[in-house]
Amino acid sequence: MQVAAKFGSIFSLRVGYDKIVLVSGYEWVKEVLVTQGDYFLDRLISPPFKEVFQGN
């Protein structure tokens, strides 16, 4: 939450060639995943993030 306090509830950053959007707070996470979820279904998952978050 310290990052959200400094940069806001929604912000983006670049990691290599990938642009990452970070969302903080229950209402914004709900908005992104539930209300706007169709926009995020087909998003590209980069191999490094897939390895980290899926434990492969």
PDB file of N, CA and C in Angstrom:
ATOM      1  N   MET A   1       0.807  -1.198   0.000  1.00  0.00           N
ATOM      2  CA  MET A   1       0.000   0.000   0.000  1.00  0.00           C
ATOM      3  C   MET A   1       0.852   1.265   0.000  1.00  0.00           C
ATOM      4  N   GLN A   2       2.116   1.169   0.343  1.00  0.00           N
ATOM      5  CA  GLN A   2       2.966   2.356   0.311  1.00  0.00           C
ATOM      6  C   GLN A   2       3.122   2.872  -1.116  1.00  0.00           C
ATOM      7  N   VAL A   3       3.205   1.960  -2.070  1.00  0.00           N
ATOM      8  CA  VAL A   3       3.331   2.358  -3.471  1.00  0.00           C
ATOM      9  C   VAL A   3       2.057   3.065  -3.917  1.00  0.00           C
ATOM     10  N   ALA A   4       0.899   2.538  -3.537  1.00  0.00           N
ATOM     11  CA  ALA A   4      -0.378   3.162  -3.903  1.00  0.00           C
ATOM     12  C   ALA A   4      -0.503   4.547  -3.287  1.00  0.00           C
ATOM     13  N   ALA A   5      -0.006   4.727  -2.084  1.00  0.00           N
ATOM     14  CA  ALA A   5      -0.070   6.042  -1.444  1.00  0.00           C
ATOM     15  C   ALA A   5       0.776   7.068  -2.207  1.00  0.00           C
ATOM     16  N   LYS A   6       1.864   6.607  -2.788  1.00  0.00           N
ATOM     17  CA  LYS A   6       2.752   7.515  -3.507  1.00  0.00           C
ATOM     18  C   LYS A   6       2.301   7.764  -4.949  1.00  0.00           C
ATOM     19  N   PHE A   7       1.849   6.708  -5.651  1.00  0.00           N
ATOM     20  CA  PHE A   7       1.561   6.811  -7.079  1.00  0.00           C
ATOM     21  C   PHE A   7       0.081   6.746  -7.435  1.00  0.00           C
ATOM     22  N   GLY A   8      -0.768   6.376  -6.502  1.00  0.00           N
ATOM     23  CA  GLY A   8      -2.194   6.259  -6.787  1.00  0.00           C
ATOM     24  C   GLY A   8      -2.636   4.807  -6.874  1.00  0.00           C
ATOM     25  N   SER A   9      -3.933   4.605  -7.011  1.00  0.00           N
ATOM     26  CA  SER A   9      -4.506   3.260  -7.004  1.00  0.00           C
ATOM     27  C   SER A   9      -4.237   2.471  -8.279  1.00  0.00           C
ATOM     28  N   ILE A  10      -4.029   3.162  -9.395  1.00  0.00           N
ATOM     29  CA  ILE A  10      -3.738   2.499 -10.665  1.00  0.00           C
ATOM     30  C   ILE A  10      -2.536   3.192 -11.293  1.00  0.00           C
ATOM     31  N   PHE A  11      -1.510   2.412 -11.612  1.00  0.00           N
ATOM     32  CA  PHE A  11      -0.349   2.982 -12.283  1.00  0.00           C
ATOM     33  C   PHE A  11       0.330   1.900 -13.101  1.00  0.00           C
ATOM     34  N   SER A  12       1.187   2.314 -14.005  1.00  0.00           N
ATOM     35  CA  SER A  12       1.880   1.355 -14.858  1.00  0.00           C
ATOM     36  C   SER A  12       3.381   1.565 -14.755  1.00  0.00           C
ATOM     37  N   LEU A  13       4.095   0.502 -15.100  1.00  0.00           N
ATOM     38  CA  LEU A  13       5.545   0.571 -15.160  1.00  0.00           C
ATOM     39  C   LEU A  13       6.021  -0.376 -16.237  1.00  0.00           C
ATOM     40  N   ARG A  14       7.238  -0.184 -16.681  1.00  0.00           N
ATOM     41  CA  ARG A  14       7.818  -1.045 -17.707  1.00  0.00           C
ATOM     42  C   ARG A  14       8.862  -1.955 -17.070  1.00  0.00           C
ATOM     43  N   VAL A  15       8.763  -3.232 -17.421  1.00  0.00           N
ATOM     44  CA  VAL A  15       9.757  -4.219 -17.033  1.00  0.00           C
ATOM     45  C   VAL A  15      10.243  -4.837 -18.338  1.00  0.00           C
ATOM     46  N   GLY A  16      11.417  -4.439 -18.758  1.00  0.00           N
ATOM     47  CA  GLY A  16      11.897  -4.858 -20.072  1.00  0.00           C
ATOM     48  C   GLY A  16      11.005  -4.270 -21.152  1.00  0.00           C
ATOM     49  N   TYR A  17      10.462  -5.138 -22.001  1.00  0.00           N
ATOM     50  CA  TYR A  17       9.569  -4.688 -23.066  1.00  0.00           C
ATOM     51  C   TYR A  17       8.105  -4.700 -22.635  1.00  0.00           C
ATOM     52  N   ASP A  18       7.835  -5.223 -21.455  1.00  0.00           N
ATOM     53  CA  ASP A  18       6.460  -5.369 -20.988  1.00  0.00           C
ATOM     54  C   ASP A  18       6.000  -4.153 -20.202  1.00  0.00           C
ATOM     55  N   LYS A  19       4.781  -3.737 -20.441  1.00  0.00           N
ATOM     56  CA  LYS A  19       4.148  -2.693 -19.645  1.00  0.00           C
ATOM     57  C   LYS A  19       3.221  -3.396 -18.659  1.00  0.00           C
ATOM     58  N   ILE A  20       3.386  -3.093 -17.390  1.00  0.00           N
ATOM     59  CA  ILE A  20       2.612  -3.730 -16.334  1.00  0.00           C
ATOM     60  C   ILE A  20       1.718  -2.688 -15.690  1.00  0.00           C
ATOM     61  N   VAL A  21       0.464  -3.028 -15.540  1.00  0.00           N
ATOM     62  CA  VAL A  21      -0.482  -2.149 -14.861  1.00  0.00           C
ATOM     63  C   VAL A  21      -0.757  -2.750 -13.494  1.00  0.00           C
ATOM     64  N   LEU A  22      -0.552  -1.962 -12.456  1.00  0.00           N
ATOM     65  CA  LEU A  22      -0.790  -2.398 -11.086  1.00  0.00           C
ATOM     66  C   LEU A  22      -2.030  -1.697 -10.546  1.00  0.00           C
ATOM     67  N   VAL A  23      -2.868  -2.473  -9.882  1.00  0.00           N
ATOM     68  CA  VAL A  23      -4.122  -1.964  -9.337  1.00  0.00           C
ATOM     69  C   VAL A  23      -4.133  -2.259  -7.846  1.00  0.00           C
ATOM     70  N   SER A  24      -4.520  -1.275  -7.055  1.00  0.00           N
ATOM     71  CA  SER A  24      -4.536  -1.420  -5.606  1.00  0.00           C
ATOM     72  C   SER A  24      -5.896  -1.017  -5.055  1.00  0.00           C
ATOM     73  N   GLY A  25      -6.346  -1.730  -4.059  1.00  0.00           N
ATOM     74  CA  GLY A  25      -7.609  -1.410  -3.410  1.00  0.00           C
ATOM     75  C   GLY A  25      -8.742  -2.285  -3.910  1.00  0.00           C
ATOM     76  N   TYR A  26      -9.585  -2.710  -2.992  1.00  0.00           N
ATOM     77  CA  TYR A  26     -10.668  -3.641  -3.302  1.00  0.00           C
ATOM     78  C   TYR A  26     -11.559  -3.148  -4.428  1.00  0.00           C
ATOM     79  N   GLU A  27     -12.011  -1.915  -4.369  1.00  0.00           N
ATOM     80  CA  GLU A  27     -12.944  -1.401  -5.380  1.00  0.00           C
ATOM     81  C   GLU A  27     -12.325  -1.385  -6.774  1.00  0.00           C
ATOM     82  N   TRP A  28     -11.058  -0.983  -6.888  1.00  0.00           N
ATOM     83  CA  TRP A  28     -10.406  -0.951  -8.200  1.00  0.00           C
ATOM     84  C   TRP A  28     -10.126  -2.354  -8.709  1.00  0.00           C
ATOM     85  N   VAL A  29      -9.708  -3.254  -7.832  1.00  0.00           N
ATOM     86  CA  VAL A  29      -9.463  -4.636  -8.252  1.00  0.00           C
ATOM     87  C   VAL A  29     -10.762  -5.267  -8.737  1.00  0.00           C
ATOM     88  N   LYS A  30     -11.841  -5.034  -8.011  1.00  0.00           N
ATOM     89  CA  LYS A  30     -13.153  -5.540  -8.425  1.00  0.00           C
ATOM     90  C   LYS A  30     -13.545  -4.956  -9.780  1.00  0.00           C
ATOM     91  N   GLU A  31     -13.334  -3.667  -9.967  1.00  0.00           N
ATOM     92  CA  GLU A  31     -13.662  -3.014 -11.244  1.00  0.00           C
ATOM     93  C   GLU A  31     -12.896  -3.662 -12.399  1.00  0.00           C
ATOM     94  N   VAL A  32     -11.608  -3.898 -12.193  1.00  0.00           N
ATOM     95  CA  VAL A  32     -10.770  -4.460 -13.257  1.00  0.00           C
ATOM     96  C   VAL A  32     -11.110  -5.923 -13.529  1.00  0.00           C
ATOM     97  N   LEU A  33     -11.216  -6.734 -12.495  1.00  0.00           N
ATOM     98  CA  LEU A  33     -11.381  -8.172 -12.694  1.00  0.00           C
ATOM     99  C   LEU A  33     -12.819  -8.609 -12.932  1.00  0.00           C
ATOM    100  N   VAL A  34     -13.783  -7.906 -12.365  1.00  0.00           N
ATOM    101  CA  VAL A  34     -15.181  -8.314 -12.498  1.00  0.00           C
ATOM    102  C   VAL A  34     -15.891  -7.487 -13.564  1.00  0.00           C
ATOM    103  N   THR A  35     -15.957  -6.190 -13.367  1.00  0.00           N
ATOM    104  CA  THR A  35     -16.711  -5.328 -14.275  1.00  0.00           C
ATOM    105  C   THR A  35     -16.061  -5.240 -15.650  1.00  0.00           C
ATOM    106  N   GLN A  36     -14.743  -5.106 -15.703  1.00  0.00           N
ATOM    107  CA  GLN A  36     -14.018  -4.957 -16.971  1.00  0.00           C
ATOM    108  C   GLN A  36     -13.243  -6.227 -17.337  1.00  0.00           C
ATOM    109  N   GLY A  37     -13.579  -7.342 -16.726  1.00  0.00           N
ATOM    110  CA  GLY A  37     -12.825  -8.581 -16.897  1.00  0.00           C
ATOM    111  C   GLY A  37     -12.657  -9.048 -18.328  1.00  0.00           C
ATOM    112  N   ASP A  38     -13.666  -8.823 -19.173  1.00  0.00           N
ATOM    113  CA  ASP A  38     -13.580  -9.266 -20.569  1.00  0.00           C
ATOM    114  C   ASP A  38     -12.403  -8.635 -21.308  1.00  0.00           C
ATOM    115  N   TYR A  39     -12.013  -7.443 -20.921  1.00  0.00           N
ATOM    116  CA  TYR A  39     -10.890  -6.764 -21.575  1.00  0.00           C
ATOM    117  C   TYR A  39      -9.543  -7.391 -21.220  1.00  0.00           C
ATOM    118  N   PHE A  40      -9.506  -8.158 -20.136  1.00  0.00           N
ATOM    119  CA  PHE A  40      -8.245  -8.706 -19.651  1.00  0.00           C
ATOM    120  C   PHE A  40      -8.100 -10.205 -19.884  1.00  0.00           C
ATOM    121  N   LEU A  41      -9.115 -10.850 -20.459  1.00  0.00           N
ATOM    122  CA  LEU A  41      -9.075 -12.294 -20.669  1.00  0.00           C
ATOM    123  C   LEU A  41      -7.948 -12.735 -21.590  1.00  0.00           C
ATOM    124  N   ASP A  42      -7.713 -12.011 -22.651  1.00  0.00           N
ATOM    125  CA  ASP A  42      -6.743 -12.419 -23.664  1.00  0.00           C
ATOM    126  C   ASP A  42      -5.410 -11.705 -23.559  1.00  0.00           C
ATOM    127  N   ARG A  43      -5.113 -11.138 -22.412  1.00  0.00           N
ATOM    128  CA  ARG A  43      -3.859 -10.397 -22.275  1.00  0.00           C
ATOM    129  C   ARG A  43      -2.672 -11.355 -22.336  1.00  0.00           C
ATOM    130  N   LEU A  44      -1.591 -10.878 -22.886  1.00  0.00           N
ATOM    131  CA  LEU A  44      -0.373 -11.662 -23.009  1.00  0.00           C
ATOM    132  C   LEU A  44       0.295 -11.783 -21.643  1.00  0.00           C
ATOM    133  N   ILE A  45       0.708 -12.989 -21.309  1.00  0.00           N
ATOM    134  CA  ILE A  45       1.460 -13.206 -20.073  1.00  0.00           C
ATOM    135  C   ILE A  45       2.897 -13.495 -20.480  1.00  0.00           C
ATOM    136  N   SER A  46       3.809 -12.639 -20.047  1.00  0.00           N
ATOM    137  CA  SER A  46       5.208 -12.811 -20.433  1.00  0.00           C
ATOM    138  C   SER A  46       5.794 -14.041 -19.735  1.00  0.00           C
ATOM    139  N   PRO A  47       6.715 -14.752 -20.391  1.00  0.00           N
ATOM    140  CA  PRO A  47       7.309 -15.955 -19.805  1.00  0.00           C
ATOM    141  C   PRO A  47       7.915 -15.755 -18.412  1.00  0.00           C
ATOM    142  N   PRO A  48       8.659 -14.669 -18.144  1.00  0.00           N
ATOM    143  CA  PRO A  48       9.192 -14.512 -16.783  1.00  0.00           C
ATOM    144  C   PRO A  48       8.093 -14.400 -15.722  1.00  0.00           C
ATOM    145  N   PHE A  49       7.025 -13.685 -16.019  1.00  0.00           N
ATOM    146  CA  PHE A  49       5.945 -13.559 -15.047  1.00  0.00           C
ATOM    147  C   PHE A  49       5.180 -14.862 -14.899  1.00  0.00           C
ATOM    148  N   LYS A  50       5.025 -15.589 -15.984  1.00  0.00           N
ATOM    149  CA  LYS A  50       4.360 -16.890 -15.923  1.00  0.00           C
ATOM    150  C   LYS A  50       5.152 -17.826 -15.017  1.00  0.00           C
ATOM    151  N   GLU A  51       6.465 -17.818 -15.166  1.00  0.00           N
ATOM    152  CA  GLU A  51       7.314 -18.676 -14.343  1.00  0.00           C
ATOM    153  C   GLU A  51       7.224 -18.301 -12.869  1.00  0.00           C
ATOM    154  N   VAL A  52       7.250 -17.018 -12.577  1.00  0.00           N
ATOM    155  CA  VAL A  52       7.198 -16.562 -11.187  1.00  0.00           C
ATOM    156  C   VAL A  52       5.850 -16.884 -10.554  1.00  0.00           C
ATOM    157  N   PHE A  53       4.763 -16.549 -11.241  1.00  0.00           N
ATOM    158  CA  PHE A  53       3.449 -16.656 -10.630  1.00  0.00           C
ATOM    159  C   PHE A  53       2.814 -18.029 -10.747  1.00  0.00           C
ATOM    160  N   GLN A  54       3.278 -18.868 -11.676  1.00  0.00           N
ATOM    161  CA  GLN A  54       2.736 -20.212 -11.778  1.00  0.00           C
ATOM    162  C   GLN A  54       3.681 -21.253 -11.193  1.00  0.00           C
ATOM    163  N   GLY A  55       4.846 -20.820 -10.752  1.00  0.00           N
ATOM    164  CA  GLY A  55       5.775 -21.708 -10.066  1.00  0.00           C
ATOM    165  C   GLY A  55       6.431 -22.762 -10.943  1.00  0.00           C
ATOM    166  N   ASN A  56       6.559 -22.531 -12.233  1.00  0.00           N
ATOM    167  CA  ASN A  56       7.197 -23.507 -13.131  1.00  0.00           C
ATOM    168  C   ASN A  56       8.695 -23.352 -13.122  1.00  0.00           C
TER     169      ASN A  56
END
